[in-house]
Protein backbone atom coordinates (compact mmCIF):
# COMPACT_ATOMS: atom_id res chain seq x y z
CA MET A 1 -102.51 -8.40 26.19
CA LYS A 2 -104.30 -5.26 27.77
CA LYS A 3 -101.64 -3.49 27.07
CA ARG A 4 -102.80 -4.42 23.38
CA VAL A 5 -106.06 -3.56 23.83
CA LYS A 6 -104.88 -0.05 25.14
CA GLU A 7 -102.73 0.60 21.57
CA ALA A 8 -105.36 -0.13 19.64
CA GLU A 9 -108.14 1.91 21.09
CA LYS A 10 -105.01 4.78 20.70
CA LEU A 11 -104.90 3.77 17.06
CA ASP A 12 -108.12 3.26 16.28
CA ARG A 13 -109.65 6.11 18.79
CA GLY A 14 -113.38 4.38 18.16
CA LYS A 15 -114.36 1.58 19.97
CA VAL A 16 -112.41 -1.82 19.77
CA ASN A 17 -113.08 -5.22 20.38
CA LYS A 18 -111.91 -5.98 23.24
CA ASP A 19 -112.76 -10.24 22.49
CA TYR A 20 -110.81 -9.67 19.51
CA PHE A 21 -107.39 -8.53 21.53
CA TYR A 22 -107.98 -10.01 24.85
CA PRO A 23 -109.95 -13.33 25.00
CA LYS A 24 -110.79 -13.79 28.42
CA ARG A 25 -113.11 -16.75 28.23
CA LEU A 26 -111.05 -18.44 25.17
CA LEU A 27 -107.77 -18.53 27.55
CA LYS A 28 -110.03 -19.55 30.72
CA GLN A 29 -111.08 -22.42 28.62
CA ILE A 30 -107.73 -23.39 27.09
CA GLU A 31 -106.77 -23.36 30.98
CA LYS A 32 -109.14 -25.77 32.31
CA GLU A 33 -108.21 -28.27 29.47
CA TYR A 34 -104.56 -28.18 30.46
CA LYS A 35 -105.15 -27.68 34.42
CA ASN A 36 -104.37 -31.41 35.46
CA LYS A 37 -102.78 -32.66 32.12
CA LYS A 38 -99.08 -33.75 33.00
CA LEU A 39 -96.63 -32.38 30.49
CA GLU A 40 -93.75 -34.74 29.66
CA THR A 41 -90.19 -33.58 30.63
CA GLN A 42 -88.82 -36.49 30.00
CA GLU A 43 -86.60 -36.53 27.10
CA PRO A 44 -87.07 -39.13 24.04
CA LYS A 45 -85.11 -41.95 24.78
CA ILE A 46 -82.50 -41.98 21.76
CA GLU A 47 -79.97 -45.35 20.90
CA PRO A 48 -76.62 -44.35 20.44
CA VAL A 49 -75.36 -45.03 16.93
CA SER A 50 -72.01 -46.98 16.90
CA SER A 51 -69.16 -46.92 14.68
CA ILE A 52 -69.04 -50.71 14.36
CA PRO A 53 -72.07 -52.39 12.37
CA ARG A 54 -73.60 -55.11 14.00
CA VAL A 55 -73.41 -58.63 12.96
CA ASP A 56 -75.36 -61.25 13.32
CA LYS A 57 -74.51 -64.83 13.86
CA ASN A 58 -77.53 -66.44 12.42
CA ILE A 59 -76.73 -64.22 8.90
CA GLN A 60 -74.52 -66.56 6.99
CA THR A 61 -72.25 -64.22 4.56
CA THR A 62 -70.92 -65.37 1.05
CA GLN A 63 -67.49 -64.05 -0.20
CA LEU A 64 -67.16 -63.14 -3.31
CA PRO A 65 -64.35 -63.76 -5.78
CA GLU A 66 -61.50 -62.20 -6.38
CA ILE A 67 -61.61 -60.10 -9.93
CA GLN A 68 -58.51 -60.47 -11.61
CA THR A 69 -57.80 -57.68 -13.23
CA PRO A 70 -54.89 -57.76 -16.28
CA PRO A 71 -52.04 -55.13 -16.04
CA LEU A 72 -52.05 -51.62 -18.45
CA PRO A 73 -49.85 -52.46 -21.30
CA ASN A 74 -46.54 -50.16 -21.30
CA THR A 75 -47.78 -46.77 -22.31
CA PRO A 76 -44.93 -44.07 -23.67
CA MET A 77 -44.19 -41.23 -21.23
CA PRO A 78 -45.41 -37.64 -22.62
CA VAL A 79 -42.91 -35.59 -24.89
CA VAL A 80 -42.51 -32.24 -23.80
CA ARG A 81 -41.34 -29.65 -26.67
CA THR A 82 -39.90 -26.97 -24.92
CA ALA A 83 -37.58 -25.53 -28.19
CA ALA A 84 -40.48 -25.49 -30.43
CA LEU A 85 -42.64 -23.12 -28.63
CA PRO A 86 -42.52 -20.04 -30.50
CA GLY A 87 -40.65 -16.98 -28.89
CA THR A 88 -38.39 -18.96 -26.84
CA ASN A 89 -35.30 -17.32 -27.74
CA THR A 90 -36.74 -14.29 -26.10
CA ASN A 91 -36.02 -14.92 -22.91
CA LEU A 92 -39.29 -14.52 -21.66
CA THR A 93 -41.43 -16.21 -18.90
CA ARG A 94 -44.75 -17.68 -20.03
CA THR A 95 -46.68 -14.87 -17.79
CA GLN A 96 -44.61 -12.75 -19.66
CA GLN A 97 -45.63 -13.52 -23.06
CA ALA A 98 -48.93 -14.19 -21.83
CA LEU A 99 -50.07 -10.74 -20.85
CA LEU A 100 -47.56 -8.52 -22.40
CA SER A 101 -48.65 -6.71 -25.77
CA PRO A 102 -45.84 -7.58 -28.67
CA GLU A 103 -44.41 -3.84 -28.24
CA GLU A 104 -44.07 -4.55 -24.42
CA GLN A 105 -42.51 -7.84 -25.31
CA ILE A 106 -39.44 -6.58 -27.24
CA ILE A 107 -38.87 -3.90 -24.33
CA ALA A 108 -38.81 -6.76 -21.86
CA SER A 109 -36.97 -8.90 -24.21
CA ARG A 110 -33.90 -6.40 -24.33
CA ARG A 111 -33.76 -6.15 -20.46
CA THR A 112 -32.85 -9.70 -20.20
């Protein structure tokens, strides 16, 4: 704190209120106040958490009835129509068809 006073004197180049930077009286009061007090160094006791919940023997649990769910009706398998897609005779992959321009698609189909 004495260093702070010296730094303030350098910056201000005048008379500095030393009590603002180094309040000796206030620090002495705080020292007297806490001189005879004991600091608690013990950590607070924390109960361990178990992953198994405790069950009290006095509590009676009621069992819920099983829910009867009817089976799903028969659903047909989806039909994938690959032959009906436009441009399937070009021998291009779907990625090539999506990314290439029409002129580039013609050039790529000639290579294969």
